[in-house]
Each structure stands twice: as structure tokens, then as C-alpha cells.
């Protein structure tokens, strides 16, 4: 019986080690944002493998968006690098297609560089951003508090 208990414990530990990293709820602050009339991104929850939202963390953001300014767009969870070469690898879990009206979303990314996270609307045809919000820790948002996102609204 002891042998079976031991095997069960080892099996559980190996499954835990090989499984997805544990994520915890993270309190975030909103940073610079800009939207066209009628568009908005509302973050309902952020979970991450650490509360620092830093390089190496896997982050999932859930929320709701309202898209009124155009019929279709992409919503992406991306990182603006504050240090590094500026190149960024992305995957499908970071972007969702949305339609006019209200839409729930859940997006995930692994932070590969130093920087700050943002959720941004992108025009499907041109690929240009037209609204979004930065979010992160209080320290991260303080560091970018002066960023100007008015370029989102030029088009």
C-alpha cells in the first residue's frame, strides 16, 4: 500500500511540474489610452505566473470590448518594448477578430522582452492601430504616464 501511495505522489508531482504554470490574479493599473467615439476596451481580470508582469511571465487578460467605429477589427494583446531590439514574436492566442457591438475576449501572451503590455484595436484592412489601452503594475504605468496615444486617432 505504501508503494502505491508513493507512486501516486510521484505521479502527481511530475504532472504538476510538466503542466501549465500556475497563474494568479494580478491587480493592475490602467495607463495611457485613446479610443474613437463608441469604442472601448474593459479589462475584467488579469492573471499571470507572477505579479510583476515581467519577462518570462505568461499573462491572460479577460474582458469586454465595444466596437462601434467600424464593422470588424482585430483586438491584440501585445508588448511595447522599453528595452531590446524592438522585434516581437506573436502567436494566435494574442489576437482575436471582433465585430461591431459588444464582445467578450480572453487573450494570452508570454512576455519575451522588457516592456509594457497593451490591448489595441487594429484595422483588419490597413493593419493600423485605432484605439487601445496600456496596463500593468503601478511602477510600469508611472514610467509611461506621459506617453501620447493621439496617433491612434489619426486616420
Protein backbone atom coordinates (compact mmCIF):
# COMPACT_ATOMS: atom_id res chain seq x y z
CA UNK A 1 0.00 0.00 0.00
CA UNK A 2 2.84 2.39 0.82
CA UNK A 3 4.35 1.73 -2.60
CA UNK A 4 1.08 2.74 -4.37
CA UNK A 5 0.81 5.89 -2.25
CA UNK A 6 4.40 6.77 -3.15
CA UNK A 7 3.75 6.19 -6.86
CA UNK A 8 0.62 8.32 -6.74
CA UNK A 9 2.55 11.14 -5.06
CA UNK A 10 5.38 10.96 -7.61
CA UNK A 11 2.89 10.89 -10.48
CA UNK A 12 1.09 13.95 -9.10
CA UNK A 13 4.38 15.86 -8.71
CA UNK A 14 5.53 15.02 -12.23
CA UNK A 15 2.16 16.08 -13.66
CA UNK A 16 2.35 19.35 -11.74
CA UNK A 17 5.88 20.05 -12.95
CA UNK A 18 5.09 19.28 -16.59
CA UNK A 19 1.72 21.07 -16.59
CA UNK A 20 0.94 24.70 -17.31
CA UNK A 21 2.48 27.16 -14.82
CA UNK A 22 0.15 28.32 -12.07
CA UNK A 23 -1.35 31.74 -12.69
CA UNK A 24 -2.57 34.13 -10.02
CA UNK A 25 -4.83 37.13 -10.21
CA UNK A 26 -2.92 40.39 -10.66
CA UNK A 27 -4.07 43.86 -9.64
CA UNK A 28 -3.28 46.22 -12.48
CA UNK A 29 -3.40 49.92 -13.16
CA UNK A 30 -4.52 51.43 -16.42
CA UNK A 31 -2.11 53.68 -18.27
CA UNK A 32 -2.37 55.83 -21.38
CA UNK A 33 -5.42 55.12 -23.55
CA UNK A 34 -7.20 56.53 -26.55
CA UNK A 35 -10.36 55.42 -28.35
CA UNK A 36 -12.57 56.52 -31.22
CA UNK A 37 -16.08 57.56 -30.19
CA UNK A 38 -18.09 54.49 -29.18
CA UNK A 39 -15.11 52.10 -28.90
CA UNK A 40 -13.84 50.87 -25.54
CA UNK A 41 -11.81 48.04 -24.02
CA UNK A 42 -12.72 46.96 -20.49
CA UNK A 43 -10.32 44.67 -18.63
CA UNK A 44 -12.17 42.39 -16.22
CA UNK A 45 -9.27 40.24 -14.99
CA UNK A 46 -5.56 39.69 -15.43
CA UNK A 47 -3.80 36.51 -14.30
CA UNK A 48 -0.09 35.84 -14.54
CA UNK A 49 2.64 33.48 -13.42
CA UNK A 50 3.94 36.38 -11.28
CA UNK A 51 2.54 39.67 -10.09
CA UNK A 52 5.41 41.68 -11.63
CA UNK A 53 4.24 41.28 -15.26
CA UNK A 54 7.82 40.94 -16.41
CA UNK A 55 9.96 38.99 -18.85
CA UNK A 56 9.19 35.26 -18.70
CA UNK A 57 5.66 35.63 -17.29
CA UNK A 58 2.65 34.14 -19.03
CA UNK A 59 -0.31 36.52 -18.83
CA UNK A 60 -4.00 36.05 -19.60
CA UNK A 61 -6.33 39.03 -19.91
CA UNK A 62 -10.12 38.70 -19.96
CA UNK A 63 -12.57 41.46 -20.67
CA UNK A 64 -15.17 43.03 -22.90
CA UNK A 65 -14.87 45.34 -25.87
CA UNK A 66 -17.36 47.58 -27.59
CA UNK A 67 -16.61 48.30 -31.23
CA UNK A 68 -18.79 51.00 -32.80
CA UNK A 69 -16.48 52.90 -35.16
CA UNK A 70 -16.05 50.16 -37.81
CA UNK A 71 -17.65 46.81 -38.68
CA UNK A 72 -14.67 44.50 -37.98
CA UNK A 73 -11.29 44.73 -36.29
CA UNK A 74 -8.64 42.70 -34.52
CA UNK A 75 -8.01 43.08 -30.81
CA UNK A 76 -4.45 42.21 -29.80
CA UNK A 77 -2.59 41.75 -26.51
CA UNK A 78 0.94 42.93 -27.23
CA UNK A 79 4.04 44.31 -25.55
CA UNK A 80 5.72 47.61 -26.32
CA UNK A 81 9.38 47.07 -25.55
CA UNK A 82 11.14 49.54 -23.31
CA UNK A 83 14.49 47.73 -23.72
CA UNK A 84 15.66 45.43 -26.55
CA UNK A 85 15.74 45.43 -30.34
CA UNK A 86 12.04 46.02 -30.95
CA UNK A 87 11.36 42.74 -32.74
CA UNK A 88 8.49 40.76 -31.27
CA UNK A 89 7.22 37.29 -31.95
CA UNK A 90 3.46 36.82 -31.70
CA UNK A 91 1.10 33.88 -31.82
CA UNK A 92 -2.60 33.30 -32.42
CA UNK A 93 -3.52 33.41 -28.70
CA UNK A 94 -2.65 37.14 -28.68
CA UNK A 95 -5.25 38.29 -31.23
CA UNK A 96 -8.99 37.86 -31.68
CA UNK A 97 -11.25 39.07 -34.51
CA UNK A 98 -14.15 41.17 -33.28
CA UNK A 99 -17.30 42.56 -34.87
CA UNK A 100 -19.31 45.69 -34.30
CA UNK A 101 -21.05 45.61 -30.92
CA UNK A 102 -20.11 44.00 -27.61
CA UNK A 103 -17.67 41.08 -27.48
CA UNK A 104 -16.06 39.12 -24.63
CA UNK A 105 -12.39 38.25 -25.04
CA UNK A 106 -9.63 36.19 -23.46
CA UNK A 107 -6.08 36.69 -24.74
CA UNK A 108 -2.79 35.17 -23.58
CA UNK A 109 0.85 36.05 -24.11
CA UNK A 110 4.24 35.16 -22.71
CA UNK A 111 6.34 38.27 -22.09
CA UNK A 112 9.59 37.77 -24.01
CA UNK A 113 11.16 41.22 -23.55
CA UNK A 114 11.16 44.08 -21.07
CA UNK A 115 8.27 46.42 -21.70
CA UNK A 116 4.64 47.23 -21.05
CA UNK A 117 1.50 45.38 -22.09
CA UNK A 118 -1.34 46.87 -24.08
CA UNK A 119 -4.63 45.88 -25.67
CA UNK A 120 -5.08 47.53 -29.05
CA UNK A 121 -7.68 47.62 -31.81
CA UNK A 122 -6.21 47.11 -35.31
CA UNK A 123 -7.96 47.80 -38.59
CA UNK A 124 -8.20 44.49 -40.49
CA UNK A 125 -7.58 46.10 -43.90
CA UNK A 126 -4.74 48.53 -43.14
CA UNK A 127 -3.26 46.87 -40.04
CA UNK A 128 -3.12 50.28 -38.33
CA UNK A 129 -3.98 50.75 -34.66
CA UNK A 130 -7.02 52.89 -33.90
CA UNK A 131 -7.50 52.62 -30.16
CA UNK A 132 -6.21 50.92 -27.09
CA UNK A 133 -5.06 50.94 -23.51
CA UNK A 134 -1.81 50.21 -21.70
CA UNK A 135 -1.93 48.38 -18.37
CA UNK A 136 0.46 46.93 -15.82
CA UNK A 137 1.91 47.42 -12.38
CA UNK A 138 1.82 50.85 -10.73
CA UNK A 139 5.57 51.23 -11.36
CA UNK A 140 5.21 50.35 -15.05
CA UNK A 141 2.33 52.79 -15.55
CA UNK A 142 4.17 55.57 -13.74
CA UNK A 143 7.12 55.09 -16.12
CA UNK A 144 4.90 55.62 -19.20
CA UNK A 145 2.41 58.14 -17.81
CA UNK A 146 3.49 60.77 -20.34
CA UNK A 147 3.05 58.61 -23.44
CA UNK A 148 0.85 60.20 -26.11
CA UNK A 149 -1.52 57.89 -27.98
CA UNK A 150 -3.13 60.53 -30.19
CA UNK A 151 -1.69 58.73 -33.24
CA UNK A 152 -4.38 56.07 -32.61
CA UNK A 153 -6.98 58.64 -33.58
CA UNK A 154 -5.36 59.88 -36.81
CA UNK A 155 -6.98 58.21 -39.85
